[in-house]
Amino acid sequence: MTATLSAPPAERADGPRRRVGPPGGIDRLFRLVLRFAGLAVLVVMATVGLFLATRGAAAISEAGLDFFTTQTWEPDSLDFGIAAVLVGTVLIASVALVIAFPLALGVALYISEYAPPRLRRALTSMVDLMAAVPSVVYGLFGSTFLQWQGVDVPRWLSIQFGWIPFLDVEGADPDNPLSTDAAYVTSTFWAGLVVGFMVMPFICSVMRESFTQAPQGEREGAHALGATKWGVIRSVVLPFGRSGMIGGTMLGLGRALGETIAVAMIIAPVFAIHTQILGSGGNSVSALIAQRWGAASPFGLSALMAAGLALFVLTLLVNFAASAVIARSRSGQGSD
């Protein structure tokens, strides 16, 4: 009968493993700092909402539900509402996303998948620099140059697609050689186009980071199965970056909803629901606040605060909806 000898456990080369004790003072301090930072965000958001609600309470109580259905803005005459500017805000943001999303998607895919390394670094820096350009510069570019030099674009769109109600331009006669270009400038289209240029770098940066994190093993597996470059993008990169695409788009939408100075410099304020995006006129909540703030009466300031509260709530709803969509579409879900 042979005895079985068990070998002693091998010791680690760097000595016995140390036993980890309970968190010390530095760990507790770091945890408290992080907890304070997280709570500070909630406190700031709650404070902003409470401030706007308190200052706008007088206007909201005076107007009631008519505040959301009235189109005119005459608070000193007790005839005011945000119906027109709220619709204009949504239209400008929608035009901005229609412009920015495909442009950002194409640039992000080119930088992450096609561009050589040197050009990739240069393009990444240029996109980041576009995000750092002040909005007033975009406003100057759009109001003094872009809308006047590109006036043939909305004219062509109205001629070719004028049968679509929101692309028609009321009062414009493209066949009249004596007609001016005033009907095609200072419009929702131009404001949305400039805002689209402004939010494109933010959307592109989020998309690019999401695309570059697609698993290399899945890329190589798709290539091994005979997939083309576009096949890899379609089956691996885009599904993996789905939540980044959604998150970047919602980030751009929130930025577009609140854009102020560029819209105020371009658009001709009209306090009526103006759904014809190519025609002159329109407005937004943020531009209304910027234009009327200096000359507003005390009650007018309360009405502007109420309008700001509506924009604040709208932005929160957009962000909550984006969080819900992202939660249902995590990165990598759907990739085969």
C-alpha atoms as a PDB file:
ATOM      1  CA  MET A   1       0.000   0.000   0.000  1.00  0.00           C
ATOM      2  CA  THR A   2       1.523   3.211  -1.079  1.00  0.00           C
ATOM      3  CA  ALA A   3       0.995   6.461   0.682  1.00  0.00           C
ATOM      4  CA  THR A   4      -0.166   9.431  -1.323  1.00  0.00           C
ATOM      5  CA  LEU A   5       1.878  12.515  -0.623  1.00  0.00           C
ATOM      6  CA  SER A   6       0.355  15.892  -1.365  1.00  0.00           C
ATOM      7  CA  ALA A   7       2.692  18.548  -2.569  1.00  0.00           C
ATOM      8  CA  PRO A   8       2.740  21.767  -0.582  1.00  0.00           C
ATOM      9  CA  PRO A   9       1.046  24.736  -2.273  1.00  0.00           C
ATOM     10  CA  ALA A  10       3.381  26.736  -4.438  1.00  0.00           C
ATOM     11  CA  GLU A  11       4.169  30.162  -3.136  1.00  0.00           C
ATOM     12  CA  ARG A  12       3.829  33.222  -5.326  1.00  0.00           C
ATOM     13  CA  ALA A  13       7.043  34.594  -6.727  1.00  0.00           C
ATOM     14  CA  ASP A  14       6.308  37.957  -5.174  1.00  0.00           C
ATOM     15  CA  GLY A  15       5.488  36.547  -1.741  1.00  0.00           C
ATOM     16  CA  PRO A  16       2.240  35.486  -0.070  1.00  0.00           C
ATOM     17  CA  ARG A  17      -0.941  37.230  -1.163  1.00  0.00           C
ATOM     18  CA  ARG A  18      -1.992  40.032   1.127  1.00  0.00           C
ATOM     19  CA  ARG A  19      -5.430  39.917   2.645  1.00  0.00           C
ATOM     20  CA  VAL A  20      -7.580  42.861   1.609  1.00  0.00           C
ATOM     21  CA  GLY A  21      -9.126  44.560   4.566  1.00  0.00           C
ATOM     22  CA  PRO A  22     -12.186  46.812   4.785  1.00  0.00           C
ATOM     23  CA  PRO A  23     -12.073  50.158   2.980  1.00  0.00           C
ATOM     24  CA  GLY A  24      -9.845  52.676   4.660  1.00  0.00           C
ATOM     25  CA  GLY A  25     -10.233  56.387   5.159  1.00  0.00           C
ATOM     26  CA  ILE A  26      -9.027  57.340   1.675  1.00  0.00           C
ATOM     27  CA  ASP A  27     -11.501  54.948   0.038  1.00  0.00           C
ATOM     28  CA  ARG A  28     -14.346  56.338   2.099  1.00  0.00           C
ATOM     29  CA  LEU A  29     -13.332  59.892   1.213  1.00  0.00           C
ATOM     30  CA  PHE A  30     -13.162  59.047  -2.494  1.00  0.00           C
ATOM     31  CA  ARG A  31     -16.599  57.408  -2.317  1.00  0.00           C
ATOM     32  CA  LEU A  32     -18.060  60.464  -0.587  1.00  0.00           C
ATOM     33  CA  VAL A  33     -16.581  62.787  -3.219  1.00  0.00           C
ATOM     34  CA  LEU A  34     -18.086  60.736  -6.044  1.00  0.00           C
ATOM     35  CA  ARG A  35     -21.434  60.562  -4.257  1.00  0.00           C
ATOM     36  CA  PHE A  36     -21.373  64.313  -3.756  1.00  0.00           C
ATOM     37  CA  ALA A  37     -20.607  64.871  -7.455  1.00  0.00           C
ATOM     38  CA  GLY A  38     -23.532  62.662  -8.487  1.00  0.00           C
ATOM     39  CA  LEU A  39     -25.910  64.389  -6.085  1.00  0.00           C
ATOM     40  CA  ALA A  40     -24.668  67.818  -7.189  1.00  0.00           C
ATOM     41  CA  VAL A  41     -25.908  67.154 -10.731  1.00  0.00           C
ATOM     42  CA  LEU A  42     -29.376  66.303  -9.443  1.00  0.00           C
ATOM     43  CA  VAL A  43     -29.384  69.325  -7.134  1.00  0.00           C
ATOM     44  CA  VAL A  44     -28.405  71.693  -9.939  1.00  0.00           C
ATOM     45  CA  MET A  45     -31.092  70.322 -12.259  1.00  0.00           C
ATOM     46  CA  ALA A  46     -33.732  70.530  -9.537  1.00  0.00           C
ATOM     47  CA  THR A  47     -32.639  74.057  -8.617  1.00  0.00           C
ATOM     48  CA  VAL A  48     -32.879  75.255 -12.224  1.00  0.00           C
ATOM     49  CA  GLY A  49     -36.342  73.745 -12.645  1.00  0.00           C
ATOM     50  CA  LEU A  50     -37.544  75.161  -9.311  1.00  0.00           C
ATOM     51  CA  PHE A  51     -36.145  78.605 -10.147  1.00  0.00           C
ATOM     52  CA  LEU A  52     -37.915  78.702 -13.520  1.00  0.00           C
ATOM     53  CA  ALA A  53     -41.173  77.388 -12.042  1.00  0.00           C
ATOM     54  CA  THR A  54     -41.101  79.958  -9.225  1.00  0.00           C
ATOM     55  CA  ARG A  55     -40.326  82.916 -11.474  1.00  0.00           C
ATOM     56  CA  GLY A  56     -42.789  81.828 -14.156  1.00  0.00           C
ATOM     57  CA  ALA A  57     -45.636  80.957 -11.798  1.00  0.00           C
ATOM     58  CA  ALA A  58     -47.321  84.371 -12.168  1.00  0.00           C
ATOM     59  CA  ALA A  59     -47.460  84.105 -15.975  1.00  0.00           C
ATOM     60  CA  ILE A  60     -48.580  80.474 -15.942  1.00  0.00           C
ATOM     61  CA  SER A  61     -51.343  81.158 -13.414  1.00  0.00           C
ATOM     62  CA  GLU A  62     -52.540  84.123 -15.471  1.00  0.00           C
ATOM     63  CA  ALA A  63     -52.559  82.328 -18.838  1.00  0.00           C
ATOM     64  CA  GLY A  64     -53.518  78.840 -17.680  1.00  0.00           C
ATOM     65  CA  LEU A  65     -53.693  76.219 -20.378  1.00  0.00           C
ATOM     66  CA  ASP A  66     -53.942  78.971 -23.003  1.00  0.00           C
ATOM     67  CA  PHE A  67     -50.207  79.415 -22.480  1.00  0.00           C
ATOM     68  CA  PHE A  68     -49.677  76.286 -24.577  1.00  0.00           C
ATOM     69  CA  THR A  69     -52.245  77.115 -27.300  1.00  0.00           C
ATOM     70  CA  THR A  70     -51.878  80.879 -27.842  1.00  0.00           C
ATOM     71  CA  GLN A  71     -49.640  81.909 -30.727  1.00  0.00           C
ATOM     72  CA  THR A  72     -49.173  85.626 -30.091  1.00  0.00           C
ATOM     73  CA  TRP A  73     -46.696  87.034 -27.591  1.00  0.00           C
ATOM     74  CA  GLU A  74     -48.001  90.165 -25.877  1.00  0.00           C
ATOM     75  CA  PRO A  75     -47.602  89.542 -22.155  1.00  0.00           C
ATOM     76  CA  ASP A  76     -48.289  93.148 -21.180  1.00  0.00           C
ATOM     77  CA  SER A  77     -51.713  92.779 -22.844  1.00  0.00           C
ATOM     78  CA  LEU A  78     -52.228  89.383 -21.195  1.00  0.00           C
ATOM     79  CA  ASP A  79     -52.347  87.739 -24.609  1.00  0.00           C
ATOM     80  CA  PHE A  80     -49.363  85.435 -24.840  1.00  0.00           C
ATOM     81  CA  GLY A  81     -48.432  81.806 -25.341  1.00  0.00           C
ATOM     82  CA  ILE A  82     -45.731  79.515 -26.685  1.00  0.00           C
ATOM     83  CA  ALA A  83     -47.663  77.566 -29.327  1.00  0.00           C
ATOM     84  CA  ALA A  84     -45.910  79.274 -32.247  1.00  0.00           C
ATOM     85  CA  VAL A  85     -42.401  79.357 -30.777  1.00  0.00           C
ATOM     86  CA  LEU A  86     -42.652  75.783 -29.514  1.00  0.00           C
ATOM     87  CA  VAL A  87     -43.598  74.521 -32.969  1.00  0.00           C
ATOM     88  CA  GLY A  88     -40.803  76.621 -34.456  1.00  0.00           C
ATOM     89  CA  THR A  89     -38.315  75.152 -31.990  1.00  0.00           C
ATOM     90  CA  VAL A  90     -39.259  71.604 -32.955  1.00  0.00           C
ATOM     91  CA  LEU A  91     -39.123  72.434 -36.683  1.00  0.00           C
ATOM     92  CA  ILE A  92     -35.666  74.027 -36.441  1.00  0.00           C
ATOM     93  CA  ALA A  93     -34.339  71.082 -34.439  1.00  0.00           C
ATOM     94  CA  SER A  94     -35.878  68.627 -36.925  1.00  0.00           C
ATOM     95  CA  VAL A  95     -34.253  70.353 -39.898  1.00  0.00           C
ATOM     96  CA  ALA A  96     -30.954  70.397 -37.998  1.00  0.00           C
ATOM     97  CA  LEU A  97     -31.112  66.631 -37.388  1.00  0.00           C
ATOM     98  CA  VAL A  98     -32.046  65.897 -41.009  1.00  0.00           C
ATOM     99  CA  ILE A  99     -28.903  67.766 -42.037  1.00  0.00           C
ATOM    100  CA  ALA A 100     -26.571  66.680 -39.240  1.00  0.00           C
ATOM    101  CA  PHE A 101     -27.333  62.953 -38.885  1.00  0.00           C
ATOM    102  CA  PRO A 102     -26.328  61.695 -42.359  1.00  0.00           C
ATOM    103  CA  LEU A 103     -23.355  64.058 -42.462  1.00  0.00           C
ATOM    104  CA  ALA A 104     -22.145  62.947 -39.025  1.00  0.00           C
ATOM    105  CA  LEU A 105     -22.698  59.274 -39.860  1.00  0.00           C
ATOM    106  CA  GLY A 106     -20.720  59.512 -43.094  1.00  0.00           C
ATOM    107  CA  VAL A 107     -17.844  61.422 -41.503  1.00  0.00           C
ATOM    108  CA  ALA A 108     -17.705  59.058 -38.507  1.00  0.00           C
ATOM    109  CA  LEU A 109     -17.665  55.958 -40.718  1.00  0.00           C
ATOM    110  CA  TYR A 110     -14.981  57.413 -42.980  1.00  0.00           C
ATOM    111  CA  ILE A 111     -12.758  58.399 -40.055  1.00  0.00           C
ATOM    112  CA  SER A 112     -13.112  55.075 -38.250  1.00  0.00           C
ATOM    113  CA  GLU A 113     -13.133  52.675 -41.218  1.00  0.00           C
ATOM    114  CA  TYR A 114     -11.608  54.184 -44.354  1.00  0.00           C
ATOM    115  CA  ALA A 115      -9.288  57.094 -43.583  1.00  0.00           C
ATOM    116  CA  PRO A 116      -5.524  56.394 -43.411  1.00  0.00           C
ATOM    117  CA  PRO A 117      -3.949  57.027 -39.981  1.00  0.00           C
ATOM    118  CA  ARG A 118      -2.520  60.483 -40.707  1.00  0.00           C
ATOM    119  CA  LEU A 119      -5.698  61.756 -42.333  1.00  0.00           C
ATOM    120  CA  ARG A 120      -7.726  60.162 -39.537  1.00  0.00           C
ATOM    121  CA  ARG A 121      -5.917  62.190 -36.910  1.00  0.00           C
ATOM    122  CA  ALA A 122      -6.290  65.384 -38.935  1.00  0.00           C
ATOM    123  CA  LEU A 123     -10.007  64.858 -39.544  1.00  0.00           C
ATOM    124  CA  THR A 124     -10.613  64.018 -35.897  1.00  0.00           C
ATOM    125  CA  SER A 125      -8.924  67.255 -34.848  1.00  0.00           C
ATOM    126  CA  MET A 126     -10.915  69.267 -37.389  1.00  0.00           C
ATOM    127  CA  VAL A 127     -14.228  67.810 -36.216  1.00  0.00           C
ATOM    128  CA  ASP A 128     -13.320  68.575 -32.614  1.00  0.00           C
ATOM    129  CA  LEU A 129     -12.378  72.121 -33.597  1.00  0.00           C
ATOM    130  CA  MET A 130     -15.745  72.578 -35.297  1.00  0.00           C
ATOM    131  CA  ALA A 131     -17.407  71.817 -31.967  1.00  0.00           C
ATOM    132  CA  ALA A 132     -15.325  74.565 -30.329  1.00  0.00           C
ATOM    133  CA  VAL A 133     -16.355  77.327 -32.763  1.00  0.00           C
ATOM    134  CA  PRO A 134     -18.651  79.841 -30.972  1.00  0.00           C
ATOM    135  CA  SER A 135     -22.280  79.818 -32.060  1.00  0.00           C
ATOM    136  CA  VAL A 136     -22.144  83.529 -32.885  1.00  0.00           C
ATOM    137  CA  VAL A 137     -19.620  82.745 -35.627  1.00  0.00           C
ATOM    138  CA  TYR A 138     -22.010  80.244 -37.153  1.00  0.00           C
ATOM    139  CA  GLY A 139     -24.746  82.852 -36.869  1.00  0.00           C
ATOM    140  CA  LEU A 140     -22.685  85.454 -38.692  1.00  0.00           C
ATOM    141  CA  PHE A 141     -21.795  82.952 -41.409  1.00  0.00           C
ATOM    142  CA  GLY A 142     -25.420  81.963 -41.910  1.00  0.00           C
ATOM    143  CA  SER A 143     -27.017  85.411 -41.709  1.00  0.00           C
ATOM    144  CA  THR A 144     -24.575  87.378 -43.856  1.00  0.00           C
ATOM    145  CA  PHE A 145     -23.293  84.820 -46.366  1.00  0.00           C
ATOM    146  CA  LEU A 146     -24.859  81.376 -46.517  1.00  0.00           C
ATOM    147  CA  GLN A 147     -28.535  82.215 -46.855  1.00  0.00           C
ATOM    148  CA  TRP A 148     -27.906  84.885 -49.506  1.00  0.00           C
ATOM    149  CA  GLN A 149     -25.427  82.924 -51.582  1.00  0.00           C
ATOM    150  CA  GLY A 150     -27.457  79.719 -51.355  1.00  0.00           C
ATOM    151  CA  VAL A 151     -30.888  81.215 -51.975  1.00  0.00           C
ATOM    152  CA  ASP A 152     -31.293  79.080 -55.110  1.00  0.00           C
ATOM    153  CA  VAL A 153     -31.483  75.948 -52.929  1.00  0.00           C
ATOM    154  CA  PRO A 154     -34.809  76.728 -51.209  1.00  0.00           C
ATOM    155  CA  ARG A 155     -36.136  78.176 -54.479  1.00  0.00           C
ATOM    156  CA  TRP A 156     -35.381  74.921 -56.307  1.00  0.00           C
ATOM    157  CA  LEU A 157     -36.855  72.858 -53.500  1.00  0.00           C
ATOM    158  CA  SER A 158     -40.059  74.892 -53.530  1.00  0.00           C
ATOM    159  CA  ILE A 159     -40.366  74.577 -57.324  1.00  0.00           C
ATOM    160  CA  GLN A 160     -39.716  70.842 -57.421  1.00  0.00           C
ATOM    161  CA  PHE A 161     -41.450  69.808 -54.207  1.00  0.00           C
ATOM    162  CA  GLY A 162     -43.873  72.641 -53.584  1.00  0.00           C
ATOM    163  CA  TRP A 163     -46.750  70.150 -53.681  1.00  0.00           C
ATOM    164  CA  ILE A 164     -45.579  69.056 -50.223  1.00  0.00           C
ATOM    165  CA  PRO A 165     -47.276  71.514 -47.819  1.00  0.00           C
ATOM    166  CA  PHE A 166     -44.251  72.292 -45.626  1.00  0.00           C
ATOM    167  CA  LEU A 167     -42.002  72.888 -48.684  1.00  0.00           C
ATOM    168  CA  ASP A 168     -44.312  75.415 -50.313  1.00  0.00           C
ATOM    169  CA  VAL A 169     -43.449  79.115 -50.112  1.00  0.00           C
ATOM    170  CA  GLU A 170     -46.527  81.274 -49.830  1.00  0.00           C
ATOM    171  CA  GLY A 171     -46.467  84.460 -51.899  1.00  0.00           C
ATOM    172  CA  ALA A 172     -43.359  83.553 -53.911  1.00  0.00           C
ATOM    173  CA  ASP A 173     -43.506  83.481 -57.709  1.00  0.00           C
ATOM    174  CA  PRO A 174     -40.442  81.695 -59.130  1.00  0.00           C
ATOM    175  CA  ASP A 175     -41.513  82.529 -62.699  1.00  0.00           C
ATOM    176  CA  ASN A 176     -41.425  86.279 -62.050  1.00  0.00           C
ATOM    177  CA  PRO A 177     -37.961  87.633 -62.955  1.00  0.00           C
ATOM    178  CA  LEU A 178     -38.609  90.743 -60.842  1.00  0.00           C
ATOM    179  CA  SER A 179     -39.292  88.819 -57.644  1.00  0.00           C
ATOM    180  CA  THR A 180     -36.812  89.288 -54.807  1.00  0.00           C
ATOM    181  CA  ASP A 181     -35.006  86.696 -52.749  1.00  0.00           C
ATOM    182  CA  ALA A 182     -36.522  87.949 -49.501  1.00  0.00           C
ATOM    183  CA  ALA A 183     -39.131  85.185 -49.480  1.00  0.00           C
ATOM    184  CA  TYR A 184     -36.442  82.476 -49.279  1.00  0.00           C
ATOM    185  CA  VAL A 185     -34.174  83.875 -46.536  1.00  0.00           C
ATOM    186  CA  THR A 186     -34.463  84.322 -42.750  1.00  0.00           C
ATOM    187  CA  SER A 187     -36.391  81.059 -42.668  1.00  0.00           C
ATOM    188  CA  THR A 188     -36.644  77.936 -40.559  1.00  0.00           C
ATOM    189  CA  PHE A 189     -34.673  76.108 -43.236  1.00  0.00           C
ATOM    190  CA  TRP A 190     -31.610  78.331 -42.942  1.00  0.00           C
ATOM    191  CA  ALA A 191     -31.749  78.416 -39.141  1.00  0.00           C
ATOM    192  CA  GLY A 192     -32.004  74.629 -39.041  1.00  0.00           C
ATOM    193  CA  LEU A 193     -29.187  74.244 -41.567  1.00  0.00           C
ATOM    194  CA  VAL A 194     -26.787  76.358 -39.518  1.00  0.00           C
ATOM    195  CA  VAL A 195     -27.809  74.620 -36.289  1.00  0.00           C
ATOM    196  CA  GLY A 196     -27.231  71.306 -38.074  1.00  0.00           C
ATOM    197  CA  PHE A 197     -23.666  72.367 -38.851  1.00  0.00           C
ATOM    198  CA  MET A 198     -23.223  73.248 -35.188  1.00  0.00           C
ATOM    199  CA  VAL A 199     -24.482  69.953 -33.734  1.00  0.00           C
ATOM    200  CA  MET A 200     -22.850  67.708 -36.347  1.00  0.00           C
ATOM    201  CA  PRO A 201     -19.448  67.587 -34.561  1.00  0.00           C
ATOM    202  CA  PHE A 202     -21.065  66.432 -31.302  1.00  0.00           C
ATOM    203  CA  ILE A 203     -23.004  63.662 -33.037  1.00  0.00           C
ATOM    204  CA  CYS A 204     -19.979  62.659 -35.113  1.00  0.00           C
ATOM    205  CA  SER A 205     -17.670  62.416 -32.080  1.00  0.00           C
ATOM    206  CA  VAL A 206     -20.018  60.077 -30.212  1.00  0.00           C
ATOM    207  CA  MET A 207     -20.572  57.923 -33.300  1.00  0.00           C
ATOM    208  CA  ARG A 208     -16.863  57.744 -34.084  1.00  0.00           C
ATOM    209  CA  GLU A 209     -15.964  56.599 -30.592  1.00  0.00           C
ATOM    210  CA  SER A 210     -18.681  53.960 -30.718  1.00  0.00           C
ATOM    211  CA  PHE A 211     -17.597  52.660 -34.129  1.00  0.00           C
ATOM    212  CA  THR A 212     -13.924  52.403 -33.198  1.00  0.00           C
ATOM    213  CA  GLN A 213     -14.791  50.159 -30.244  1.00  0.00           C
ATOM    214  CA  ALA A 214     -16.366  47.459 -32.405  1.00  0.00           C
ATOM    215  CA  PRO A 215     -14.652  44.122 -31.519  1.00  0.00           C
ATOM    216  CA  GLN A 216     -11.690  43.345 -33.727  1.00  0.00           C
ATOM    217  CA  GLY A 217     -12.408  39.629 -33.491  1.00  0.00           C
ATOM    218  CA  GLU A 218     -15.864  40.070 -35.020  1.00  0.00           C
ATOM    219  CA  ARG A 219     -14.386  42.228 -37.777  1.00  0.00           C
ATOM    220  CA  GLU A 220     -11.803  39.554 -38.621  1.00  0.00           C
ATOM    221  CA  GLY A 221     -14.446  36.832 -38.450  1.00  0.00           C
ATOM    222  CA  ALA A 222     -16.632  38.684 -40.938  1.00  0.00           C
ATOM    223  CA  HIS A 223     -13.647  39.147 -43.269  1.00  0.00           C
ATOM    224  CA  ALA A 224     -12.812  35.440 -42.947  1.00  0.00           C
ATOM    225  CA  LEU A 225     -16.333  34.569 -44.070  1.00  0.00           C
ATOM    226  CA  GLY A 226     -15.831  36.642 -47.213  1.00  0.00           C
ATOM    227  CA  ALA A 227     -17.553  39.855 -46.186  1.00  0.00           C
ATOM    228  CA  THR A 228     -16.636  43.042 -47.997  1.00  0.00           C
ATOM    229  CA  LYS A 229     -15.760  46.279 -46.216  1.00  0.00           C
ATOM    230  CA  TRP A 230     -19.357  47.406 -46.414  1.00  0.00           C
ATOM    231  CA  GLY A 231     -20.470  43.973 -45.231  1.00  0.00           C
ATOM    232  CA  VAL A 232     -18.322  44.316 -42.107  1.00  0.00           C
ATOM    233  CA  ILE A 233     -19.725  47.787 -41.459  1.00  0.00           C
ATOM    234  CA  ARG A 234     -23.296  46.623 -41.957  1.00  0.00           C
ATOM    235  CA  SER A 235     -23.047  43.415 -39.911  1.00  0.00           C
ATOM    236  CA  VAL A 236     -20.561  44.392 -37.174  1.00  0.00           C
ATOM    237  CA  VAL A 237     -19.839  48.114 -36.865  1.00  0.00           C
ATOM    238  CA  LEU A 238     -23.333  49.565 -37.208  1.00  0.00           C
ATOM    239  CA  PRO A 239     -25.052  47.058 -34.888  1.00  0.00           C
ATOM    240  CA  PHE A 240     -22.326  47.465 -32.286  1.00  0.00           C
ATOM    241  CA  GLY A 241     -22.503  51.263 -32.484  1.00  0.00           C
ATOM    242  CA  ARG A 242     -26.295  51.479 -32.452  1.00  0.00           C
ATOM    243  CA  SER A 243     -26.552  52.926 -28.969  1.00  0.00           C
ATOM    244  CA  GLY A 244     -23.781  55.417 -29.786  1.00  0.00           C
ATOM    245  CA  MET A 245     -25.690  56.535 -32.857  1.00  0.00           C
ATOM    246  CA  ILE A 246     -28.852  57.009 -30.826  1.00  0.00           C
ATOM    247  CA  GLY A 247     -27.060  58.714 -27.956  1.00  0.00           C
ATOM    248  CA  GLY A 248     -25.161  61.070 -30.245  1.00  0.00           C
ATOM    249  CA  THR A 249     -28.314  61.967 -32.149  1.00  0.00           C
ATOM    250  CA  MET A 250     -30.224  62.714 -28.951  1.00  0.00           C
ATOM    251  CA  LEU A 251     -27.301  64.788 -27.696  1.00  0.00           C
ATOM    252  CA  GLY A 252     -27.441  66.790 -30.912  1.00  0.00           C
ATOM    253  CA  LEU A 253     -31.216  67.145 -30.616  1.00  0.00           C
ATOM    254  CA  GLY A 254     -30.923  68.554 -27.116  1.00  0.00           C
ATOM    255  CA  ARG A 255     -28.271  70.983 -28.339  1.00  0.00           C
ATOM    256  CA  ALA A 256     -30.431  72.013 -31.298  1.00  0.00           C
ATOM    257  CA  LEU A 257     -33.520  72.603 -29.156  1.00  0.00           C
ATOM    258  CA  GLY A 258     -31.657  75.107 -26.999  1.00  0.00           C
ATOM    259  CA  GLU A 259     -29.588  76.936 -29.619  1.00  0.00           C
ATOM    260  CA  THR A 260     -30.115  80.665 -29.208  1.00  0.00           C
ATOM    261  CA  ILE A 261     -27.827  83.229 -30.790  1.00  0.00           C
ATOM    262  CA  ALA A 262     -27.441  81.643 -34.226  1.00  0.00           C
ATOM    263  CA  VAL A 263     -31.211  81.239 -34.594  1.00  0.00           C
ATOM    264  CA  ALA A 264     -31.860  84.784 -33.352  1.00  0.00           C
ATOM    265  CA  MET A 265     -29.381  86.197 -35.888  1.00  0.00           C
ATOM    266  CA  ILE A 266     -30.833  84.332 -38.864  1.00  0.00           C
ATOM    267  CA  ILE A 267     -34.565  83.943 -38.493  1.00  0.00           C
ATOM    268  CA  ALA A 268     -37.231  86.644 -38.872  1.00  0.00           C
ATOM    269  CA  PRO A 269     -39.423  86.360 -35.761  1.00  0.00           C
ATOM    270  CA  VAL A 270     -43.072  85.575 -36.515  1.00  0.00           C
ATOM    271  CA  PHE A 271     -45.534  84.820 -33.724  1.00  0.00           C
ATOM    272  CA  ALA A 272     -47.745  82.460 -35.677  1.00  0.00           C
ATOM    273  CA  ILE A 273     -47.459  78.753 -36.388  1.00  0.00           C
ATOM    274  CA  HIS A 274     -45.385  78.765 -39.556  1.00  0.00           C
ATOM    275  CA  THR A 275     -44.962  75.265 -40.928  1.00  0.00           C
ATOM    276  CA  GLN A 276     -43.533  76.298 -44.326  1.00  0.00           C
ATOM    277  CA  ILE A 277     -39.873  75.850 -43.513  1.00  0.00           C
ATOM    278  CA  LEU A 278     -38.549  77.355 -46.773  1.00  0.00           C
ATOM    279  CA  GLY A 279     -40.425  80.640 -46.447  1.00  0.00           C
ATOM    280  CA  SER A 280     -39.277  83.646 -44.469  1.00  0.00           C
ATOM    281  CA  GLY A 281     -40.326  83.715 -40.836  1.00  0.00           C
ATOM    282  CA  GLY A 282     -40.353  81.503 -37.802  1.00  0.00           C
ATOM    283  CA  ASN A 283     -39.158  81.540 -34.223  1.00  0.00           C
ATOM    284  CA  SER A 284     -37.931  79.436 -31.313  1.00  0.00           C
ATOM    285  CA  VAL A 285     -38.254  79.554 -27.555  1.00  0.00           C
ATOM    286  CA  SER A 286     -34.596  80.328 -26.942  1.00  0.00           C
ATOM    287  CA  ALA A 287     -34.507  83.041 -29.612  1.00  0.00           C
ATOM    288  CA  LEU A 288     -37.662  84.594 -28.131  1.00  0.00           C
ATOM    289  CA  ILE A 289     -36.030  84.799 -24.704  1.00  0.00           C
ATOM    290  CA  ALA A 290     -32.858  86.345 -26.139  1.00  0.00           C
ATOM    291  CA  GLN A 291     -34.777  88.911 -28.206  1.00  0.00           C
ATOM    292  CA  ARG A 292     -37.274  90.030 -25.548  1.00  0.00           C
ATOM    293  CA  TRP A 293     -35.207  89.795 -22.368  1.00  0.00           C
ATOM    294  CA  GLY A 294     -33.756  93.315 -22.286  1.00  0.00           C
ATOM    295  CA  ALA A 295     -37.006  95.225 -22.889  1.00  0.00           C
ATOM    296  CA  ALA A 296     -39.385  92.991 -20.939  1.00  0.00           C
ATOM    297  CA  SER A 297     -41.541  94.267 -18.092  1.00  0.00           C
ATOM    298  CA  PRO A 298     -41.622  92.391 -14.752  1.00  0.00           C
ATOM    299  CA  PHE A 299     -44.622  90.382 -15.921  1.00  0.00           C
ATOM    300  CA  GLY A 300     -42.960  89.912 -19.311  1.00  0.00           C
ATOM    301  CA  LEU A 301     -39.929  88.455 -17.519  1.00  0.00           C
ATOM    302  CA  SER A 302     -42.231  86.024 -15.740  1.00  0.00           C
ATOM    303  CA  ALA A 303     -43.671  84.988 -19.112  1.00  0.00           C
ATOM    304  CA  LEU A 304     -40.165  84.460 -20.483  1.00  0.00           C
ATOM    305  CA  MET A 305     -39.316  82.354 -17.433  1.00  0.00           C
ATOM    306  CA  ALA A 306     -42.387  80.241 -18.127  1.00  0.00           C
ATOM    307  CA  ALA A 307     -41.263  79.795 -21.721  1.00  0.00           C
ATOM    308  CA  GLY A 308     -37.834  78.754 -20.469  1.00  0.00           C
ATOM    309  CA  LEU A 309     -39.469  76.238 -18.142  1.00  0.00           C
ATOM    310  CA  ALA A 310     -41.331  74.705 -21.097  1.00  0.00           C
ATOM    311  CA  LEU A 311     -38.074  74.389 -23.030  1.00  0.00           C
ATOM    312  CA  PHE A 312     -36.376  72.900 -19.955  1.00  0.00           C
ATOM    313  CA  VAL A 313     -39.090  70.256 -19.590  1.00  0.00           C
ATOM    314  CA  LEU A 314     -39.005  69.492 -23.323  1.00  0.00           C
ATOM    315  CA  THR A 315     -35.240  68.941 -23.198  1.00  0.00           C
ATOM    316  CA  LEU A 316     -35.586  66.660 -20.170  1.00  0.00           C
ATOM    317  CA  LEU A 317     -38.252  64.607 -21.931  1.00  0.00           C
ATOM    318  CA  VAL A 318     -35.980  64.217 -24.952  1.00  0.00           C
ATOM    319  CA  ASN A 319     -33.113  63.042 -22.756  1.00  0.00           C
ATOM    320  CA  PHE A 320     -35.305  60.615 -20.819  1.00  0.00           C
ATOM    321  CA  ALA A 321     -36.635  59.183 -24.078  1.00  0.00           C
ATOM    322  CA  ALA A 322     -33.071  58.817 -25.367  1.00  0.00           C
ATOM    323  CA  SER A 323     -32.036  57.003 -22.176  1.00  0.00           C
ATOM    324  CA  ALA A 324     -34.945  54.602 -22.547  1.00  0.00           C
ATOM    325  CA  VAL A 325     -34.098  53.876 -26.175  1.00  0.00           C
ATOM    326  CA  ILE A 326     -30.399  53.377 -25.397  1.00  0.00           C
ATOM    327  CA  ALA A 327     -31.256  51.030 -22.537  1.00  0.00           C
ATOM    328  CA  ARG A 328     -33.121  48.831 -25.011  1.00  0.00           C
ATOM    329  CA  SER A 329     -30.338  48.986 -27.569  1.00  0.00           C
ATOM    330  CA  ARG A 330     -27.011  48.447 -25.840  1.00  0.00           C
ATOM    331  CA  SER A 331     -23.744  48.464 -27.763  1.00  0.00           C
ATOM    332  CA  GLY A 332     -23.204  45.198 -29.543  1.00  0.00           C
ATOM    333  CA  GLN A 333     -26.820  44.077 -29.384  1.00  0.00           C
ATOM    334  CA  GLY A 334     -27.910  42.666 -32.708  1.00  0.00           C
ATOM    335  CA  SER A 335     -24.426  42.029 -34.059  1.00  0.00           C
ATOM    336  CA  ASP A 336     -24.000  38.558 -35.448  1.00  0.00           C
END
